[in-house]
Amino acid sequence: MSITVLIVDDSKLARIVAGKALRELQPEWTKIEAGSAADALDLVQTQDPDIALIDFNMADKDGLELASELRVKYPDMPIAIITANIQDEIIARAREVGATFVAKPVTSEALEGFVSGALLRLRSKSA
């Protein structure tokens, strides 16, 4: 099963860190990256990601707004909101849009539960 992960963060370093953590867990997965919510929305016009890792704090719009927009096109996509801004309100809003909350800094240990759950969802969807 070929899986493509969309990593959205306005920090190039944060995208590298998230990509490295993801590669430790699933080295065969393909990564596509966007530096803003607008870039991500443009990217999904030509690419079809299976999973999204989205930073919460971005300049053009927050990650939860982007997650809500992606939900329209991808209602079953596993989405993780990644942020160092750990507040109950953000965690609750992530759950409202059907997203998982992952605290920064992103490590393979922090992503492991999300990645395992996402893989199960994708396998059951394709079965």
N, C-alpha and C. Protein backbone atom coordinates (compact mmCIF):
# COMPACT_ATOMS: atom_id res chain seq x y z
N MET A 1 0.85 -1.18 0.00
CA MET A 1 0.00 0.00 0.00
C MET A 1 0.89 1.24 0.00
N SER A 2 0.77 2.07 -1.01
CA SER A 2 1.53 3.31 -1.12
C SER A 2 0.81 4.42 -0.36
N ILE A 3 1.50 5.06 0.57
CA ILE A 3 0.88 6.09 1.40
C ILE A 3 1.65 7.39 1.26
N THR A 4 0.92 8.48 1.05
CA THR A 4 1.50 9.81 0.92
C THR A 4 1.06 10.66 2.11
N VAL A 5 2.05 11.31 2.74
CA VAL A 5 1.79 12.15 3.90
C VAL A 5 2.06 13.60 3.55
N LEU A 6 1.08 14.45 3.82
CA LEU A 6 1.22 15.89 3.63
C LEU A 6 1.69 16.49 4.96
N ILE A 7 2.86 17.16 4.94
CA ILE A 7 3.38 17.84 6.12
C ILE A 7 3.28 19.34 5.87
N VAL A 8 2.52 20.03 6.72
CA VAL A 8 2.30 21.47 6.55
C VAL A 8 2.82 22.20 7.78
N ASP A 9 3.82 23.05 7.57
CA ASP A 9 4.37 23.86 8.66
C ASP A 9 5.08 25.04 8.01
N ASP A 10 4.93 26.23 8.59
CA ASP A 10 5.60 27.39 8.00
C ASP A 10 7.09 27.44 8.36
N SER A 11 7.54 26.51 9.18
CA SER A 11 8.96 26.40 9.51
C SER A 11 9.57 25.22 8.75
N LYS A 12 10.56 25.52 7.92
CA LYS A 12 11.25 24.46 7.16
C LYS A 12 11.89 23.46 8.13
N LEU A 13 12.48 23.96 9.22
CA LEU A 13 13.10 23.08 10.20
C LEU A 13 12.07 22.14 10.82
N ALA A 14 10.90 22.66 11.16
CA ALA A 14 9.85 21.82 11.74
C ALA A 14 9.40 20.75 10.76
N ARG A 15 9.33 21.09 9.45
CA ARG A 15 8.96 20.09 8.44
C ARG A 15 10.03 19.00 8.36
N ILE A 16 11.30 19.39 8.46
CA ILE A 16 12.39 18.42 8.42
C ILE A 16 12.30 17.49 9.63
N VAL A 17 12.08 18.06 10.82
CA VAL A 17 11.99 17.26 12.04
C VAL A 17 10.81 16.29 11.97
N ALA A 18 9.65 16.77 11.52
CA ALA A 18 8.47 15.90 11.39
C ALA A 18 8.73 14.80 10.36
N GLY A 19 9.35 15.17 9.25
CA GLY A 19 9.65 14.18 8.21
C GLY A 19 10.62 13.12 8.70
N LYS A 20 11.60 13.52 9.48
CA LYS A 20 12.57 12.56 10.03
C LYS A 20 11.88 11.60 11.00
N ALA A 21 11.03 12.13 11.87
CA ALA A 21 10.30 11.29 12.83
C ALA A 21 9.41 10.30 12.09
N LEU A 22 8.75 10.78 11.04
CA LEU A 22 7.88 9.92 10.24
C LEU A 22 8.69 8.83 9.53
N ARG A 23 9.83 9.21 8.99
CA ARG A 23 10.69 8.25 8.27
C ARG A 23 11.19 7.14 9.20
N GLU A 24 11.42 7.47 10.48
CA GLU A 24 11.84 6.44 11.44
C GLU A 24 10.75 5.38 11.62
N LEU A 25 9.50 5.79 11.52
CA LEU A 25 8.38 4.87 11.71
C LEU A 25 7.97 4.17 10.41
N GLN A 26 7.94 4.91 9.32
CA GLN A 26 7.46 4.40 8.03
C GLN A 26 8.38 4.89 6.91
N PRO A 27 9.56 4.29 6.76
CA PRO A 27 10.52 4.80 5.78
C PRO A 27 10.04 4.74 4.32
N GLU A 28 9.08 3.88 4.03
CA GLU A 28 8.63 3.74 2.63
C GLU A 28 7.53 4.74 2.26
N TRP A 29 6.99 5.46 3.22
CA TRP A 29 5.93 6.42 2.91
C TRP A 29 6.51 7.63 2.17
N THR A 30 5.71 8.18 1.26
CA THR A 30 6.09 9.37 0.51
C THR A 30 5.66 10.61 1.27
N LYS A 31 6.55 11.62 1.32
CA LYS A 31 6.21 12.88 1.98
C LYS A 31 6.07 13.97 0.93
N ILE A 32 5.06 14.81 1.11
CA ILE A 32 4.95 16.04 0.34
C ILE A 32 4.84 17.16 1.38
N GLU A 33 5.43 18.32 1.09
CA GLU A 33 5.50 19.38 2.07
C GLU A 33 4.91 20.68 1.55
N ALA A 34 4.34 21.44 2.49
CA ALA A 34 3.82 22.77 2.18
C ALA A 34 4.24 23.71 3.31
N GLY A 35 4.62 24.93 2.95
CA GLY A 35 5.06 25.91 3.92
C GLY A 35 3.96 26.82 4.43
N SER A 36 2.74 26.61 3.94
CA SER A 36 1.60 27.42 4.40
C SER A 36 0.31 26.67 4.10
N ALA A 37 -0.77 27.12 4.69
CA ALA A 37 -2.08 26.52 4.41
C ALA A 37 -2.45 26.72 2.94
N ALA A 38 -2.16 27.89 2.40
CA ALA A 38 -2.47 28.16 0.99
C ALA A 38 -1.69 27.21 0.08
N ASP A 39 -0.41 27.01 0.38
CA ASP A 39 0.40 26.07 -0.41
C ASP A 39 -0.17 24.66 -0.31
N ALA A 40 -0.61 24.28 0.89
CA ALA A 40 -1.18 22.94 1.08
C ALA A 40 -2.44 22.77 0.25
N LEU A 41 -3.30 23.78 0.24
CA LEU A 41 -4.54 23.69 -0.54
C LEU A 41 -4.24 23.62 -2.04
N ASP A 42 -3.21 24.33 -2.48
CA ASP A 42 -2.79 24.23 -3.89
C ASP A 42 -2.25 22.83 -4.19
N LEU A 43 -1.46 22.30 -3.28
CA LEU A 43 -0.84 21.00 -3.46
C LEU A 43 -1.87 19.88 -3.59
N VAL A 44 -2.94 19.93 -2.80
CA VAL A 44 -3.94 18.86 -2.85
C VAL A 44 -4.79 18.91 -4.12
N GLN A 45 -4.62 19.95 -4.92
CA GLN A 45 -5.30 19.99 -6.21
C GLN A 45 -4.65 19.02 -7.20
N THR A 46 -3.34 18.78 -7.01
CA THR A 46 -2.61 17.91 -7.94
C THR A 46 -2.12 16.62 -7.30
N GLN A 47 -2.02 16.60 -5.98
CA GLN A 47 -1.56 15.41 -5.25
C GLN A 47 -2.73 14.93 -4.39
N ASP A 48 -2.71 13.68 -4.04
CA ASP A 48 -3.80 13.12 -3.23
C ASP A 48 -3.21 12.48 -1.97
N PRO A 49 -2.98 13.29 -0.92
CA PRO A 49 -2.39 12.72 0.29
C PRO A 49 -3.36 11.81 1.02
N ASP A 50 -2.79 10.84 1.74
CA ASP A 50 -3.59 9.92 2.54
C ASP A 50 -3.69 10.37 3.99
N ILE A 51 -2.66 11.08 4.45
CA ILE A 51 -2.53 11.50 5.84
C ILE A 51 -2.00 12.93 5.84
N ALA A 52 -2.37 13.71 6.87
CA ALA A 52 -1.83 15.07 6.98
C ALA A 52 -1.31 15.33 8.39
N LEU A 53 -0.14 15.95 8.45
CA LEU A 53 0.43 16.48 9.69
C LEU A 53 0.46 17.99 9.53
N ILE A 54 -0.29 18.71 10.35
CA ILE A 54 -0.49 20.14 10.14
C ILE A 54 -0.11 20.92 11.39
N ASP A 55 0.76 21.91 11.22
CA ASP A 55 1.12 22.80 12.31
C ASP A 55 -0.09 23.65 12.67
N PHE A 56 -0.23 23.94 13.97
CA PHE A 56 -1.35 24.79 14.40
C PHE A 56 -1.09 26.26 14.09
N ASN A 57 0.08 26.78 14.49
CA ASN A 57 0.39 28.21 14.34
C ASN A 57 1.07 28.48 13.01
N MET A 58 0.29 29.03 12.07
CA MET A 58 0.86 29.43 10.78
C MET A 58 0.39 30.85 10.48
N ALA A 59 1.14 31.53 9.63
CA ALA A 59 0.86 32.94 9.35
C ALA A 59 -0.46 33.16 8.63
N ASP A 60 -0.76 32.34 7.61
CA ASP A 60 -1.95 32.64 6.80
C ASP A 60 -3.26 32.17 7.44
N LYS A 61 -3.26 31.03 8.09
CA LYS A 61 -4.43 30.55 8.84
C LYS A 61 -3.97 29.45 9.77
N ASP A 62 -4.73 29.22 10.83
CA ASP A 62 -4.26 28.19 11.75
C ASP A 62 -4.56 26.80 11.20
N GLY A 63 -3.85 25.83 11.75
CA GLY A 63 -3.94 24.46 11.27
C GLY A 63 -5.32 23.85 11.39
N LEU A 64 -6.09 24.29 12.37
CA LEU A 64 -7.45 23.75 12.52
C LEU A 64 -8.37 24.24 11.41
N GLU A 65 -8.16 25.47 10.96
CA GLU A 65 -8.93 25.95 9.81
C GLU A 65 -8.59 25.12 8.57
N LEU A 66 -7.29 24.88 8.37
CA LEU A 66 -6.87 24.07 7.23
C LEU A 66 -7.43 22.65 7.34
N ALA A 67 -7.38 22.08 8.54
CA ALA A 67 -7.91 20.72 8.74
C ALA A 67 -9.40 20.68 8.38
N SER A 68 -10.14 21.70 8.77
CA SER A 68 -11.58 21.76 8.43
C SER A 68 -11.79 21.80 6.93
N GLU A 69 -10.95 22.55 6.23
CA GLU A 69 -11.07 22.64 4.77
C GLU A 69 -10.70 21.30 4.11
N LEU A 70 -9.66 20.64 4.63
CA LEU A 70 -9.29 19.34 4.08
C LEU A 70 -10.36 18.30 4.33
N ARG A 71 -11.08 18.42 5.44
CA ARG A 71 -12.16 17.47 5.78
C ARG A 71 -13.24 17.44 4.71
N VAL A 72 -13.47 18.56 4.03
CA VAL A 72 -14.49 18.61 2.98
C VAL A 72 -14.10 17.66 1.84
N LYS A 73 -12.84 17.72 1.42
CA LYS A 73 -12.38 16.89 0.30
C LYS A 73 -12.01 15.47 0.76
N TYR A 74 -11.52 15.36 2.00
CA TYR A 74 -11.04 14.08 2.53
C TYR A 74 -11.71 13.79 3.88
N PRO A 75 -12.97 13.39 3.87
CA PRO A 75 -13.69 13.22 5.14
C PRO A 75 -13.12 12.16 6.07
N ASP A 76 -12.39 11.17 5.54
CA ASP A 76 -11.86 10.10 6.37
C ASP A 76 -10.35 10.17 6.58
N MET A 77 -9.72 11.24 6.10
CA MET A 77 -8.26 11.35 6.20
C MET A 77 -7.81 11.46 7.65
N PRO A 78 -6.83 10.64 8.06
CA PRO A 78 -6.22 10.83 9.37
C PRO A 78 -5.42 12.15 9.37
N ILE A 79 -5.74 13.03 10.31
CA ILE A 79 -5.08 14.34 10.41
C ILE A 79 -4.54 14.50 11.82
N ALA A 80 -3.30 14.98 11.91
CA ALA A 80 -2.72 15.33 13.21
C ALA A 80 -2.42 16.82 13.21
N ILE A 81 -2.81 17.49 14.28
CA ILE A 81 -2.45 18.89 14.50
C ILE A 81 -1.21 18.86 15.39
N ILE A 82 -0.13 19.46 14.91
CA ILE A 82 1.11 19.46 15.68
C ILE A 82 1.40 20.87 16.18
N THR A 83 1.66 20.99 17.48
CA THR A 83 1.93 22.31 18.05
C THR A 83 2.58 22.19 19.42
N ALA A 84 3.32 23.23 19.76
CA ALA A 84 3.88 23.34 21.11
C ALA A 84 2.89 24.07 22.02
N ASN A 85 1.84 24.60 21.42
CA ASN A 85 0.82 25.37 22.14
C ASN A 85 -0.21 24.40 22.74
N ILE A 86 0.12 23.83 23.88
CA ILE A 86 -0.72 22.79 24.48
C ILE A 86 -1.76 23.43 25.38
N GLN A 87 -2.94 23.61 24.83
CA GLN A 87 -4.06 24.18 25.58
C GLN A 87 -5.28 23.29 25.39
N ASP A 88 -6.07 23.16 26.43
CA ASP A 88 -7.27 22.32 26.35
C ASP A 88 -8.18 22.74 25.20
N GLU A 89 -8.30 24.05 24.97
CA GLU A 89 -9.17 24.54 23.90
C GLU A 89 -8.71 24.05 22.53
N ILE A 90 -7.41 24.07 22.29
CA ILE A 90 -6.88 23.62 21.00
C ILE A 90 -7.08 22.12 20.84
N ILE A 91 -6.84 21.38 21.91
CA ILE A 91 -7.04 19.92 21.86
C ILE A 91 -8.51 19.62 21.59
N ALA A 92 -9.42 20.35 22.24
CA ALA A 92 -10.86 20.14 22.03
C ALA A 92 -11.25 20.49 20.60
N ARG A 93 -10.72 21.60 20.08
CA ARG A 93 -11.04 21.99 18.70
C ARG A 93 -10.49 20.97 17.70
N ALA A 94 -9.32 20.41 17.98
CA ALA A 94 -8.76 19.37 17.10
C ALA A 94 -9.70 18.18 17.05
N ARG A 95 -10.21 17.78 18.20
CA ARG A 95 -11.14 16.65 18.25
C ARG A 95 -12.43 16.95 17.48
N GLU A 96 -12.89 18.20 17.55
CA GLU A 96 -14.12 18.59 16.83
C GLU A 96 -13.99 18.38 15.33
N VAL A 97 -12.80 18.59 14.78
CA VAL A 97 -12.61 18.38 13.33
C VAL A 97 -12.10 16.98 13.03
N GLY A 98 -12.09 16.13 14.05
CA GLY A 98 -11.66 14.74 13.85
C GLY A 98 -10.17 14.59 13.69
N ALA A 99 -9.41 15.48 14.32
CA ALA A 99 -7.95 15.42 14.22
C ALA A 99 -7.34 14.98 15.55
N THR A 100 -6.17 14.42 15.46
CA THR A 100 -5.39 14.01 16.63
C THR A 100 -4.45 15.13 16.99
N PHE A 101 -4.20 15.32 18.27
CA PHE A 101 -3.27 16.34 18.75
C PHE A 101 -1.92 15.69 19.01
N VAL A 102 -0.84 16.26 18.46
CA VAL A 102 0.52 15.78 18.70
C VAL A 102 1.36 16.97 19.15
N ALA A 103 1.98 16.86 20.31
CA ALA A 103 2.79 17.96 20.84
C ALA A 103 4.14 18.05 20.15
N LYS A 104 4.61 19.28 19.96
CA LYS A 104 5.96 19.52 19.45
C LYS A 104 6.90 19.50 20.64
N PRO A 105 8.14 19.16 20.48
CA PRO A 105 8.77 18.78 19.21
C PRO A 105 8.29 17.39 18.77
N VAL A 106 8.11 17.24 17.47
CA VAL A 106 7.62 15.98 16.93
C VAL A 106 8.75 14.96 16.95
N THR A 107 8.48 13.84 17.61
CA THR A 107 9.43 12.73 17.65
C THR A 107 8.72 11.49 17.13
N SER A 108 9.49 10.46 16.82
CA SER A 108 8.86 9.22 16.36
C SER A 108 7.98 8.65 17.47
N GLU A 109 8.39 8.81 18.73
CA GLU A 109 7.58 8.32 19.85
C GLU A 109 6.25 9.07 19.93
N ALA A 110 6.30 10.39 19.72
CA ALA A 110 5.08 11.20 19.77
C ALA A 110 4.13 10.86 18.62
N LEU A 111 4.70 10.50 17.47
CA LEU A 111 3.88 10.19 16.28
C LEU A 111 3.39 8.74 16.23
N GLU A 112 4.02 7.87 17.01
CA GLU A 112 3.78 6.43 16.88
C GLU A 112 2.30 6.05 16.99
N GLY A 113 1.61 6.55 17.99
CA GLY A 113 0.20 6.21 18.17
C GLY A 113 -0.66 6.71 17.01
N PHE A 114 -0.40 7.95 16.58
CA PHE A 114 -1.15 8.50 15.45
C PHE A 114 -0.91 7.70 14.18
N VAL A 115 0.35 7.39 13.90
CA VAL A 115 0.71 6.65 12.67
C VAL A 115 0.09 5.25 12.69
N SER A 116 0.14 4.58 13.83
CA SER A 116 -0.46 3.24 13.93
C SER A 116 -1.97 3.29 13.67
N GLY A 117 -2.64 4.26 14.29
CA GLY A 117 -4.08 4.41 14.09
C GLY A 117 -4.42 4.77 12.66
N ALA A 118 -3.62 5.65 12.07
CA ALA A 118 -3.85 6.06 10.68
C ALA A 118 -3.70 4.87 9.74
N LEU A 119 -2.70 4.05 9.98
CA LEU A 119 -2.47 2.87 9.14
C LEU A 119 -3.64 1.90 9.23
N LEU A 120 -4.15 1.69 10.43
CA LEU A 120 -5.32 0.83 10.60
C LEU A 120 -6.53 1.37 9.85
N ARG A 121 -6.75 2.70 9.95
CA ARG A 121 -7.89 3.31 9.25
C ARG A 121 -7.75 3.15 7.74
N LEU A 122 -6.55 3.38 7.23
CA LEU A 122 -6.34 3.29 5.79
C LEU A 122 -6.48 1.86 5.29
N ARG A 123 -5.99 0.90 6.06
CA ARG A 123 -6.11 -0.50 5.65
C ARG A 123 -7.57 -0.94 5.67
N SER A 124 -8.32 -0.55 6.68
CA SER A 124 -9.72 -0.98 6.75
C SER A 124 -10.56 -0.30 5.67
N LYS A 125 -10.17 0.92 5.29
CA LYS A 125 -10.86 1.64 4.22
C LYS A 125 -10.65 0.98 2.87
N SER A 126 -9.42 0.46 2.65
CA SER A 126 -9.11 -0.14 1.35
C SER A 126 -9.50 -1.61 1.28
N ALA A 127 -9.87 -2.20 2.41
CA ALA A 127 -10.21 -3.63 2.41
C ALA A 127 -11.59 -3.89 1.87
